[in-house]
């Protein structure tokens, strides 16, 4: 066996092992979602595959079924007794509204700003980009207390609009940086040629350049959607009655135990949309996240 073959085989083995390490927790999480409660809380052994699959956990959390129906044959009782306490349909709808609206706002604002930063030269442009990047480095926990008071005084606390604005603000820096990298890849001569033909600056932006980076826009939107969909801290502190999916899942941890079946079911259902979106735009997403890694 040649050295090249050995190196290639070793790379594949390392890649498979690395992927397995990262996929195992997700696979176990998904497997737990279809286990009956007796298999999840078996004290004698770890139940892996030798159980009868059930979708009762999904019926309760995703479809709004009754908890009493899924536990009537089990002697293990824990958690909240109310059937509606585990209904995640309202949280899923709230997360969809918040993530979709904040994604649209962040993408539109970042599109305009990224085009300006890519095409217009002004003093301090590089420092401004560094300042934008620094906003993403700032952890939300550092500003959560003053943000709660500001939103309360503005009447935005405990509203969908308030969370949408908060998620938009945390998504704009990364969206701006990614979109600017795609605009930079479009030669400025394209703009100049369009304006020579009579197009205005906005027409050049909207009708010429934006269609050329549709893949980058889609990748940016998916990333913003996922960040908003999975955001926890701001959604927890800025609302009382509105619960996004991550916040809803924490309510399944009660004083009598953690409802791992319901936690894994709602969590697995929440992972699926983001997983599908990433598969659709993975090439553009990698391109945007590796901007500046290679210099011409």
Protein backbone atom coordinates (compact mmCIF):
# COMPACT_ATOMS: atom_id res chain seq x y z
CA UNK A 1 0.00 0.00 0.00
CA UNK A 2 1.44 3.35 -1.05
CA UNK A 3 1.97 6.25 1.34
CA UNK A 4 -0.61 8.34 -0.57
CA UNK A 5 -3.24 5.64 -0.06
CA UNK A 6 -2.40 5.39 3.63
CA UNK A 7 -2.70 9.16 4.06
CA UNK A 8 -6.00 9.22 2.18
CA UNK A 9 -7.40 6.37 4.28
CA UNK A 10 -6.24 8.05 7.49
CA UNK A 11 -7.96 11.28 6.48
CA UNK A 12 -11.21 9.45 5.83
CA UNK A 13 -10.98 7.62 9.17
CA UNK A 14 -10.31 10.85 11.06
CA UNK A 15 -13.16 12.59 9.22
CA UNK A 16 -15.61 9.76 9.99
CA UNK A 17 -14.62 9.66 13.66
CA UNK A 18 -14.90 13.46 13.97
CA UNK A 19 -18.35 13.50 12.35
CA UNK A 20 -19.47 10.61 14.55
CA UNK A 21 -18.40 12.46 17.70
CA UNK A 22 -20.45 15.53 16.72
CA UNK A 23 -23.45 13.61 15.37
CA UNK A 24 -23.77 11.16 18.27
CA UNK A 25 -25.41 13.60 20.75
CA UNK A 26 -27.93 14.70 18.09
CA UNK A 27 -28.67 11.10 17.12
CA UNK A 28 -29.13 10.11 20.77
CA UNK A 29 -31.37 13.14 21.31
CA UNK A 30 -33.55 12.12 18.35
CA UNK A 31 -33.60 8.50 19.52
CA UNK A 32 -34.77 9.59 22.97
CA UNK A 33 -37.68 11.46 21.40
CA UNK A 34 -39.27 8.20 20.21
CA UNK A 35 -38.63 6.21 23.39
CA UNK A 36 -41.46 5.44 25.83
CA UNK A 37 -40.99 6.89 29.29
CA UNK A 38 -40.18 3.42 30.69
CA UNK A 39 -37.19 3.12 28.35
CA UNK A 40 -35.93 6.64 29.07
CA UNK A 41 -35.96 6.19 32.85
CA UNK A 42 -34.92 2.55 33.03
CA UNK A 43 -32.79 2.28 36.20
CA UNK A 44 -31.35 -1.16 35.45
CA UNK A 45 -29.73 -0.55 32.06
CA UNK A 46 -29.29 1.91 29.22
CA UNK A 47 -31.93 1.20 26.60
CA UNK A 48 -30.55 1.82 23.12
CA UNK A 49 -32.58 0.04 20.43
CA UNK A 50 -34.54 -2.65 22.26
CA UNK A 51 -37.76 -0.69 22.78
CA UNK A 52 -41.02 -0.17 20.95
CA UNK A 53 -40.89 3.24 19.20
CA UNK A 54 -43.65 5.69 20.03
CA UNK A 55 -44.55 9.12 18.70
CA UNK A 56 -46.54 10.11 21.79
CA UNK A 57 -43.91 12.71 22.72
CA UNK A 58 -44.38 14.44 19.36
CA UNK A 59 -48.17 14.19 19.62
CA UNK A 60 -48.09 16.05 22.94
CA UNK A 61 -45.49 18.74 22.16
CA UNK A 62 -45.91 19.33 18.42
CA UNK A 63 -49.54 18.37 17.79
CA UNK A 64 -51.01 19.48 21.12
CA UNK A 65 -52.13 16.05 22.34
CA UNK A 66 -52.99 15.21 25.94
CA UNK A 67 -50.16 14.20 28.23
CA UNK A 68 -52.49 11.88 30.13
CA UNK A 69 -52.97 9.79 26.97
CA UNK A 70 -49.24 9.24 26.52
CA UNK A 71 -48.58 8.28 30.16
CA UNK A 72 -51.69 6.28 30.98
CA UNK A 73 -49.81 2.97 30.65
CA UNK A 74 -46.79 4.12 32.61
CA UNK A 75 -46.18 4.00 36.34
CA UNK A 76 -43.65 6.84 36.12
CA UNK A 77 -45.30 10.19 36.72
CA UNK A 78 -43.55 13.55 36.89
CA UNK A 79 -43.77 17.11 35.70
CA UNK A 80 -46.82 19.33 35.42
CA UNK A 81 -50.19 17.66 35.60
CA UNK A 82 -51.92 20.04 33.18
CA UNK A 83 -52.29 18.63 29.67
CA UNK A 84 -51.72 22.01 27.99
CA UNK A 85 -48.43 22.66 29.79
CA UNK A 86 -46.50 20.67 27.16
CA UNK A 87 -48.28 21.99 24.07
CA UNK A 88 -45.53 23.59 21.99
CA UNK A 89 -47.66 24.78 19.06
CA UNK A 90 -47.89 28.36 20.35
CA UNK A 91 -44.13 28.49 20.92
CA UNK A 92 -43.43 27.12 17.45
CA UNK A 93 -45.69 29.76 15.90
CA UNK A 94 -44.08 32.54 17.94
CA UNK A 95 -40.61 31.36 16.94
CA UNK A 96 -41.61 31.25 13.27
CA UNK A 97 -43.00 34.81 13.40
CA UNK A 98 -40.03 36.21 15.30
CA UNK A 99 -37.35 34.40 13.29
CA UNK A 100 -38.94 35.20 9.92
CA UNK A 101 -39.54 38.89 10.62
CA UNK A 102 -36.13 39.48 12.20
CA UNK A 103 -34.45 37.66 9.31
CA UNK A 104 -36.19 39.84 6.72
CA UNK A 105 -35.34 43.04 8.61
CA UNK A 106 -31.71 42.10 9.23
CA UNK A 107 -31.19 40.97 5.63
CA UNK A 108 -32.74 44.09 4.05
CA UNK A 109 -30.86 46.52 6.33
CA UNK A 110 -27.60 44.63 5.89
CA UNK A 111 -28.03 44.53 2.10
CA UNK A 112 -28.20 48.31 1.88
CA UNK A 113 -25.36 48.86 4.34
CA UNK A 114 -23.12 46.18 2.79
CA UNK A 115 -23.52 47.65 -0.69
CA UNK A 116 -22.63 51.11 0.59
CA UNK A 117 -19.55 49.81 2.42
CA UNK A 118 -18.47 47.82 -0.61
CA UNK A 119 -18.91 50.54 -3.22
CA UNK A 120 -18.47 53.88 -1.42
CA UNK A 121 -15.13 55.09 -0.11
CA UNK A 122 -15.14 57.23 3.01
CA UNK A 123 -12.80 58.05 5.83
CA UNK A 124 -12.73 55.48 8.62
CA UNK A 125 -14.42 52.72 6.61
CA UNK A 126 -12.07 50.03 7.93
CA UNK A 127 -12.51 51.16 11.52
CA UNK A 128 -16.26 51.15 11.03
CA UNK A 129 -16.12 47.53 9.85
CA UNK A 130 -14.09 46.59 12.93
CA UNK A 131 -16.65 48.34 15.13
CA UNK A 132 -19.46 46.38 13.49
CA UNK A 133 -17.60 43.12 14.07
CA UNK A 134 -17.06 44.02 17.72
CA UNK A 135 -20.83 44.23 18.21
CA UNK A 136 -21.07 40.52 17.45
CA UNK A 137 -18.33 39.74 19.97
CA UNK A 138 -20.31 41.39 22.76
CA UNK A 139 -22.26 38.71 24.65
CA UNK A 140 -25.96 39.48 25.13
CA UNK A 141 -25.66 38.78 28.87
CA UNK A 142 -23.49 41.92 29.16
CA UNK A 143 -26.34 44.20 28.04
CA UNK A 144 -29.42 42.22 29.05
CA UNK A 145 -30.24 44.24 32.20
CA UNK A 146 -30.16 47.73 30.63
CA UNK A 147 -31.91 46.31 27.55
CA UNK A 148 -34.79 45.04 29.66
CA UNK A 149 -35.29 48.49 31.22
CA UNK A 150 -35.07 50.23 27.82
CA UNK A 151 -37.61 47.89 26.25
CA UNK A 152 -39.88 48.25 29.28
CA UNK A 153 -39.84 52.06 29.06
CA UNK A 154 -40.53 51.91 25.32
CA UNK A 155 -43.42 49.50 25.79
CA UNK A 156 -41.68 46.76 23.81
CA UNK A 157 -41.20 44.26 26.59
CA UNK A 158 -43.34 41.12 26.37
CA UNK A 159 -44.23 41.79 22.72
CA UNK A 160 -43.35 40.04 19.49
CA UNK A 161 -42.11 43.35 18.09
CA UNK A 162 -39.64 43.77 20.93
CA UNK A 163 -38.05 40.35 20.41
CA UNK A 164 -37.99 40.89 16.63
CA UNK A 165 -36.07 44.16 17.10
CA UNK A 166 -33.64 42.55 19.55
CA UNK A 167 -32.96 39.60 17.25
CA UNK A 168 -32.54 41.95 14.28
CA UNK A 169 -29.91 43.95 16.15
CA UNK A 170 -27.84 40.90 17.04
CA UNK A 171 -28.06 39.52 13.48
CA UNK A 172 -27.13 42.68 11.57
CA UNK A 173 -23.33 42.55 12.24
CA UNK A 174 -22.78 39.02 10.91
CA UNK A 175 -25.23 39.56 8.04
CA UNK A 176 -23.46 42.77 7.06
CA UNK A 177 -20.02 41.19 7.05
CA UNK A 178 -21.14 38.19 4.98
CA UNK A 179 -23.05 40.25 2.42
CA UNK A 180 -20.17 42.70 2.03
CA UNK A 181 -17.90 39.82 1.05
CA UNK A 182 -20.31 38.84 -1.72
CA UNK A 183 -20.63 42.44 -2.96
CA UNK A 184 -16.83 42.71 -3.02
CA UNK A 185 -16.72 39.73 -5.39
CA UNK A 186 -18.79 41.61 -7.97
CA UNK A 187 -16.45 43.88 -9.99
CA UNK A 188 -17.18 47.58 -9.59
CA UNK A 189 -17.04 47.84 -13.38
CA UNK A 190 -20.47 46.20 -13.45
CA UNK A 191 -21.90 49.18 -11.57
CA UNK A 192 -20.06 51.65 -13.75
CA UNK A 193 -21.32 50.02 -16.94
CA UNK A 194 -24.91 50.06 -15.68
CA UNK A 195 -24.71 53.74 -14.72
CA UNK A 196 -23.20 54.64 -18.07
CA UNK A 197 -26.28 53.05 -19.65
CA UNK A 198 -28.46 55.39 -17.60
CA UNK A 199 -29.19 53.41 -14.42
CA UNK A 200 -29.33 55.23 -11.11
CA UNK A 201 -27.30 54.02 -8.15
CA UNK A 202 -30.37 52.33 -6.63
CA UNK A 203 -31.35 50.71 -9.94
CA UNK A 204 -27.79 49.45 -10.27
CA UNK A 205 -28.02 47.99 -6.77
CA UNK A 206 -31.49 46.46 -7.05
CA UNK A 207 -31.60 45.34 -10.69
CA UNK A 208 -27.97 44.50 -11.46
CA UNK A 209 -25.86 43.62 -8.43
CA UNK A 210 -28.38 42.04 -6.06
CA UNK A 211 -29.47 39.36 -8.60
CA UNK A 212 -25.82 38.38 -8.96
CA UNK A 213 -25.48 37.49 -5.26
CA UNK A 214 -28.80 35.72 -4.71
CA UNK A 215 -27.00 32.67 -3.30
CA UNK A 216 -25.18 34.82 -0.76
CA UNK A 217 -28.41 36.51 0.29
CA UNK A 218 -30.06 33.11 0.79
CA UNK A 219 -27.14 31.87 2.88
CA UNK A 220 -27.18 35.02 5.01
CA UNK A 221 -30.93 34.77 5.54
CA UNK A 222 -30.64 31.13 6.63
CA UNK A 223 -27.90 32.00 9.10
CA UNK A 224 -29.95 34.87 10.55
CA UNK A 225 -33.00 32.62 10.79
CA UNK A 226 -31.07 29.96 12.69
CA UNK A 227 -29.54 32.49 15.09
CA UNK A 228 -32.99 33.90 15.83
CA UNK A 229 -34.64 30.46 16.01
CA UNK A 230 -32.15 29.20 18.61
CA UNK A 231 -31.64 32.42 20.61
CA UNK A 232 -32.49 31.92 24.27
CA UNK A 233 -31.30 34.66 26.63
CA UNK A 234 -33.01 37.69 25.07
CA UNK A 235 -36.21 35.74 24.49
CA UNK A 236 -36.22 34.68 28.13
CA UNK A 237 -35.67 38.11 29.70
CA UNK A 238 -37.65 40.29 27.30
CA UNK A 239 -40.91 38.35 27.62
CA UNK A 240 -43.14 36.76 30.21
CA UNK A 241 -46.12 35.41 28.27
CA UNK A 242 -44.43 34.83 24.89
CA UNK A 243 -42.25 31.73 24.84
CA UNK A 244 -40.07 30.80 21.90
CA UNK A 245 -39.13 27.15 21.41
CA UNK A 246 -35.84 27.29 23.42
CA UNK A 247 -37.63 29.00 26.31
CA UNK A 248 -40.57 26.57 26.13
CA UNK A 249 -38.22 23.60 26.38
CA UNK A 250 -36.84 24.86 29.71
CA UNK A 251 -40.33 24.67 31.22
CA UNK A 252 -40.21 20.88 30.81
CA UNK A 253 -37.62 20.80 33.61
CA UNK A 254 -39.75 20.67 36.75
CA UNK A 255 -39.23 20.16 40.46
CA UNK A 256 -40.19 16.49 40.12
CA UNK A 257 -37.87 15.72 37.22
CA UNK A 258 -36.97 16.52 33.64
CA UNK A 259 -39.39 15.39 30.94
CA UNK A 260 -36.69 14.12 28.61
CA UNK A 261 -39.14 12.61 26.16
CA UNK A 262 -40.91 15.93 25.59
CA UNK A 263 -37.65 17.90 25.69
CA UNK A 264 -36.06 15.73 22.99
CA UNK A 265 -39.23 15.65 20.87
CA UNK A 266 -39.69 19.42 20.72
CA UNK A 267 -35.93 19.94 20.41
CA UNK A 268 -35.64 17.49 17.52
CA UNK A 269 -38.61 19.07 15.75
CA UNK A 270 -36.93 22.47 16.15
CA UNK A 271 -33.64 21.23 14.67
CA UNK A 272 -35.17 19.93 11.43
CA UNK A 273 -35.96 23.29 9.69
CA UNK A 274 -32.47 24.69 10.28
CA UNK A 275 -30.86 21.44 9.15
CA UNK A 276 -32.81 21.49 5.88
CA UNK A 277 -32.03 25.15 5.20
CA UNK A 278 -28.30 24.64 5.81
CA UNK A 279 -28.20 21.71 3.38
CA UNK A 280 -29.79 23.88 0.68
CA UNK A 281 -27.29 26.75 0.96
CA UNK A 282 -24.24 25.09 2.50
CA UNK A 283 -21.83 26.07 -0.30
CA UNK A 284 -22.76 29.76 -0.16
CA UNK A 285 -22.70 29.65 3.65
CA UNK A 286 -19.15 28.32 3.74
CA UNK A 287 -18.12 30.97 1.21
CA UNK A 288 -19.52 33.75 3.39
CA UNK A 289 -18.04 32.48 6.65
CA UNK A 290 -14.54 32.05 5.18
CA UNK A 291 -14.34 35.53 3.67
CA UNK A 292 -10.88 37.01 3.90
CA UNK A 293 -9.25 33.65 4.62
CA UNK A 294 -7.39 33.78 1.28
CA UNK A 295 -5.87 36.93 -0.16
CA UNK A 296 -5.56 37.43 -3.89
